[in-house]
Amino acid sequence: NNMAKNIRVFSDLDLNFTLNPVTHDVTRRYDEDAVKAALKNLILTSNYERPFHSEIGSPIKKLMFEPATPMLGAMLKRAIKDLIDAYEPRVNVVDINAVVDPDESSINVAIEFTIVNTTAPITLELTLERTR
């Protein structure tokens, strides 16, 4: 009794719209790359930026203007976790780390997660700019 494994493959369009050199179609991103790109887009999208989906978005851009106190890291971690839990069912968050740069111009975020039905941890690192 050899049961076939249920393997999910996730794909998203590459939002840079790079063309596949062979087929000249828009390139698709698979699995880890697709999920990382989706997470990055989710985190960097403010509410009302997406037409017809004003509910999708995060308060993260607003938080970038908060004073760089120890609370800021905790608030960012909570906001990112809530966002992923609400809008990215492919991801299980393992850990989130947010560190404000000493010059306070940016915040380095590391999100460790697994993709549903997998066990290998993946880390997405982002630098959020604190520009006015």
C-alpha atoms as a PDB file:
ATOM      1  CA  ASN A   1       0.000   0.000   0.000  1.00  0.00           C
ATOM      2  CA  ASN A   2       2.092   2.878  -1.301  1.00  0.00           C
ATOM      3  CA  MET A   3       0.178   6.083  -0.602  1.00  0.00           C
ATOM      4  CA  ALA A   4       1.040   9.139  -2.667  1.00  0.00           C
ATOM      5  CA  LYS A   5       2.286  12.037  -0.603  1.00  0.00           C
ATOM      6  CA  ASN A   6       0.085  15.110  -0.631  1.00  0.00           C
ATOM      7  CA  ILE A   7       2.528  17.786  -1.725  1.00  0.00           C
ATOM      8  CA  ARG A   8       1.301  21.333  -2.160  1.00  0.00           C
ATOM      9  CA  VAL A   9       3.036  23.702  -4.529  1.00  0.00           C
ATOM     10  CA  PHE A  10       2.270  27.389  -4.124  1.00  0.00           C
ATOM     11  CA  SER A  11       2.794  29.804  -6.949  1.00  0.00           C
ATOM     12  CA  ASP A  12       2.299  33.535  -7.264  1.00  0.00           C
ATOM     13  CA  LEU A  13       2.973  35.862 -10.162  1.00  0.00           C
ATOM     14  CA  ASP A  14       6.342  37.556  -9.990  1.00  0.00           C
ATOM     15  CA  LEU A  15       5.297  41.157  -9.329  1.00  0.00           C
ATOM     16  CA  ASN A  16       8.391  42.455 -11.119  1.00  0.00           C
ATOM     17  CA  PHE A  17       6.771  40.939 -14.235  1.00  0.00           C
ATOM     18  CA  THR A  18      10.011  39.413 -15.433  1.00  0.00           C
ATOM     19  CA  LEU A  19       9.433  37.346 -18.542  1.00  0.00           C
ATOM     20  CA  ASN A  20      10.393  33.714 -18.756  1.00  0.00           C
ATOM     21  CA  PRO A  21      13.247  33.672 -21.319  1.00  0.00           C
ATOM     22  CA  VAL A  22      11.814  30.598 -23.063  1.00  0.00           C
ATOM     23  CA  THR A  23       8.018  31.003 -23.032  1.00  0.00           C
ATOM     24  CA  HIS A  24       7.923  34.833 -22.754  1.00  0.00           C
ATOM     25  CA  ASP A  25       5.163  34.452 -20.152  1.00  0.00           C
ATOM     26  CA  VAL A  26       5.267  36.233 -16.807  1.00  0.00           C
ATOM     27  CA  THR A  27       7.504  34.192 -14.520  1.00  0.00           C
ATOM     28  CA  ARG A  28       5.808  32.293 -11.679  1.00  0.00           C
ATOM     29  CA  ARG A  29       7.458  31.996  -8.291  1.00  0.00           C
ATOM     30  CA  TYR A  30       7.100  28.710  -6.483  1.00  0.00           C
ATOM     31  CA  ASP A  31       7.036  27.566  -2.893  1.00  0.00           C
ATOM     32  CA  GLU A  32       9.505  29.360  -0.640  1.00  0.00           C
ATOM     33  CA  ASP A  33      10.062  32.298  -3.020  1.00  0.00           C
ATOM     34  CA  ALA A  34       6.331  32.725  -3.631  1.00  0.00           C
ATOM     35  CA  VAL A  35       5.522  32.735   0.081  1.00  0.00           C
ATOM     36  CA  LYS A  36       8.413  35.111   0.916  1.00  0.00           C
ATOM     37  CA  ALA A  37       7.293  37.538  -1.799  1.00  0.00           C
ATOM     38  CA  ALA A  38       3.673  37.370  -0.586  1.00  0.00           C
ATOM     39  CA  LEU A  39       4.735  38.036   3.018  1.00  0.00           C
ATOM     40  CA  LYS A  40       6.890  40.987   1.999  1.00  0.00           C
ATOM     41  CA  ASN A  41       4.029  42.489  -0.052  1.00  0.00           C
ATOM     42  CA  LEU A  42       1.593  41.946   2.809  1.00  0.00           C
ATOM     43  CA  ILE A  43       3.850  43.645   5.362  1.00  0.00           C
ATOM     44  CA  LEU A  44       4.651  46.604   3.109  1.00  0.00           C
ATOM     45  CA  THR A  45       1.021  47.259   2.079  1.00  0.00           C
ATOM     46  CA  SER A  46      -0.974  49.830   4.013  1.00  0.00           C
ATOM     47  CA  ASN A  47      -4.745  49.599   4.389  1.00  0.00           C
ATOM     48  CA  TYR A  48      -6.678  50.975   1.406  1.00  0.00           C
ATOM     49  CA  GLU A  49      -3.675  50.560  -0.940  1.00  0.00           C
ATOM     50  CA  ARG A  50      -5.199  47.536  -2.662  1.00  0.00           C
ATOM     51  CA  PRO A  51      -8.207  48.293  -4.859  1.00  0.00           C
ATOM     52  CA  PHE A  52     -11.283  46.248  -3.861  1.00  0.00           C
ATOM     53  CA  HIS A  53      -9.449  44.850  -0.799  1.00  0.00           C
ATOM     54  CA  SER A  54      -9.153  47.808   1.565  1.00  0.00           C
ATOM     55  CA  GLU A  55      -9.202  45.452   4.555  1.00  0.00           C
ATOM     56  CA  ILE A  56      -5.884  43.894   3.541  1.00  0.00           C
ATOM     57  CA  GLY A  57      -2.967  45.822   4.851  1.00  0.00           C
ATOM     58  CA  SER A  58      -0.995  46.532   7.931  1.00  0.00           C
ATOM     59  CA  PRO A  59      -0.391  49.327  10.408  1.00  0.00           C
ATOM     60  CA  ILE A  60       3.342  48.757  10.005  1.00  0.00           C
ATOM     61  CA  LYS A  61       4.045  51.868   7.910  1.00  0.00           C
ATOM     62  CA  LYS A  62       2.309  53.955  10.603  1.00  0.00           C
ATOM     63  CA  LEU A  63       4.347  52.259  13.327  1.00  0.00           C
ATOM     64  CA  MET A  64       7.543  53.278  11.526  1.00  0.00           C
ATOM     65  CA  PHE A  65       6.936  56.860  12.683  1.00  0.00           C
ATOM     66  CA  GLU A  66       6.553  55.944  16.354  1.00  0.00           C
ATOM     67  CA  PRO A  67       9.422  56.904  18.687  1.00  0.00           C
ATOM     68  CA  ALA A  68      12.163  54.260  18.789  1.00  0.00           C
ATOM     69  CA  THR A  69      11.368  52.929  22.255  1.00  0.00           C
ATOM     70  CA  PRO A  70      11.711  49.313  23.412  1.00  0.00           C
ATOM     71  CA  MET A  71       7.922  49.086  22.942  1.00  0.00           C
ATOM     72  CA  LEU A  72       8.255  49.726  19.197  1.00  0.00           C
ATOM     73  CA  GLY A  73       9.872  46.330  18.580  1.00  0.00           C
ATOM     74  CA  ALA A  74       7.117  44.579  20.545  1.00  0.00           C
ATOM     75  CA  MET A  75       4.390  46.511  18.694  1.00  0.00           C
ATOM     76  CA  LEU A  76       5.918  45.632  15.323  1.00  0.00           C
ATOM     77  CA  LYS A  77       6.233  41.944  16.232  1.00  0.00           C
ATOM     78  CA  ARG A  78       2.576  41.837  17.322  1.00  0.00           C
ATOM     79  CA  ALA A  79       1.385  43.677  14.173  1.00  0.00           C
ATOM     80  CA  ILE A  80       3.345  41.356  11.867  1.00  0.00           C
ATOM     81  CA  LYS A  81       2.124  38.228  13.680  1.00  0.00           C
ATOM     82  CA  ASP A  82      -1.526  39.391  13.564  1.00  0.00           C
ATOM     83  CA  LEU A  83      -1.191  40.268   9.874  1.00  0.00           C
ATOM     84  CA  ILE A  84       0.272  36.887   8.919  1.00  0.00           C
ATOM     85  CA  ASP A  85      -2.289  34.997  11.012  1.00  0.00           C
ATOM     86  CA  ALA A  86      -5.131  36.914   9.368  1.00  0.00           C
ATOM     87  CA  TYR A  87      -4.074  36.955   5.714  1.00  0.00           C
ATOM     88  CA  GLU A  88      -1.440  34.283   5.020  1.00  0.00           C
ATOM     89  CA  PRO A  89      -2.841  30.791   5.718  1.00  0.00           C
ATOM     90  CA  ARG A  90       0.207  29.115   4.115  1.00  0.00           C
ATOM     91  CA  VAL A  91       2.482  30.256   6.942  1.00  0.00           C
ATOM     92  CA  ASN A  92       3.045  29.181  10.547  1.00  0.00           C
ATOM     93  CA  VAL A  93       5.095  31.810  12.386  1.00  0.00           C
ATOM     94  CA  VAL A  94       7.899  30.384  14.532  1.00  0.00           C
ATOM     95  CA  ASP A  95       9.491  33.641  15.686  1.00  0.00           C
ATOM     96  CA  ILE A  96       9.677  37.335  14.801  1.00  0.00           C
ATOM     97  CA  ASN A  97      12.562  39.603  15.680  1.00  0.00           C
ATOM     98  CA  ALA A  98      12.491  43.388  15.201  1.00  0.00           C
ATOM     99  CA  VAL A  99      15.622  45.431  15.949  1.00  0.00           C
ATOM    100  CA  VAL A 100      15.761  49.215  15.642  1.00  0.00           C
ATOM    101  CA  ASP A 101      19.046  50.383  14.093  1.00  0.00           C
ATOM    102  CA  PRO A 102      21.224  52.447  16.453  1.00  0.00           C
ATOM    103  CA  ASP A 103      20.838  55.511  14.202  1.00  0.00           C
ATOM    104  CA  GLU A 104      17.055  54.894  14.296  1.00  0.00           C
ATOM    105  CA  SER A 105      16.721  55.260  10.501  1.00  0.00           C
ATOM    106  CA  SER A 106      15.561  51.697   9.930  1.00  0.00           C
ATOM    107  CA  ILE A 107      14.273  48.573  11.620  1.00  0.00           C
ATOM    108  CA  ASN A 108      15.583  45.123  10.768  1.00  0.00           C
ATOM    109  CA  VAL A 109      12.894  42.456  10.884  1.00  0.00           C
ATOM    110  CA  ALA A 110      13.515  38.717  10.743  1.00  0.00           C
ATOM    111  CA  ILE A 111      10.493  36.426  10.429  1.00  0.00           C
ATOM    112  CA  GLU A 112      11.130  32.743  10.986  1.00  0.00           C
ATOM    113  CA  PHE A 113       8.311  30.561   9.706  1.00  0.00           C
ATOM    114  CA  THR A 114       7.373  27.238   8.216  1.00  0.00           C
ATOM    115  CA  ILE A 115       5.129  26.682   5.240  1.00  0.00           C
ATOM    116  CA  VAL A 116       2.023  24.635   6.068  1.00  0.00           C
ATOM    117  CA  ASN A 117       2.680  20.874   5.755  1.00  0.00           C
ATOM    118  CA  THR A 118       6.455  21.360   5.922  1.00  0.00           C
ATOM    119  CA  THR A 119       8.899  21.391   8.808  1.00  0.00           C
ATOM    120  CA  ALA A 120      11.930  23.246   7.406  1.00  0.00           C
ATOM    121  CA  PRO A 121      12.148  26.701   8.983  1.00  0.00           C
ATOM    122  CA  ILE A 122      12.535  29.610   6.563  1.00  0.00           C
ATOM    123  CA  THR A 123      13.695  33.109   7.478  1.00  0.00           C
ATOM    124  CA  LEU A 124      12.566  36.267   5.716  1.00  0.00           C
ATOM    125  CA  GLU A 125      14.684  39.330   6.502  1.00  0.00           C
ATOM    126  CA  LEU A 126      13.391  42.818   5.780  1.00  0.00           C
ATOM    127  CA  THR A 127      14.766  46.287   6.429  1.00  0.00           C
ATOM    128  CA  LEU A 128      11.972  48.762   7.079  1.00  0.00           C
ATOM    129  CA  GLU A 129      13.029  52.345   6.424  1.00  0.00           C
ATOM    130  CA  ARG A 130      11.983  55.023   8.900  1.00  0.00           C
ATOM    131  CA  THR A 131      11.757  57.923   6.426  1.00  0.00           C
ATOM    132  CA  ARG A 132       9.488  60.922   6.878  1.00  0.00           C
END
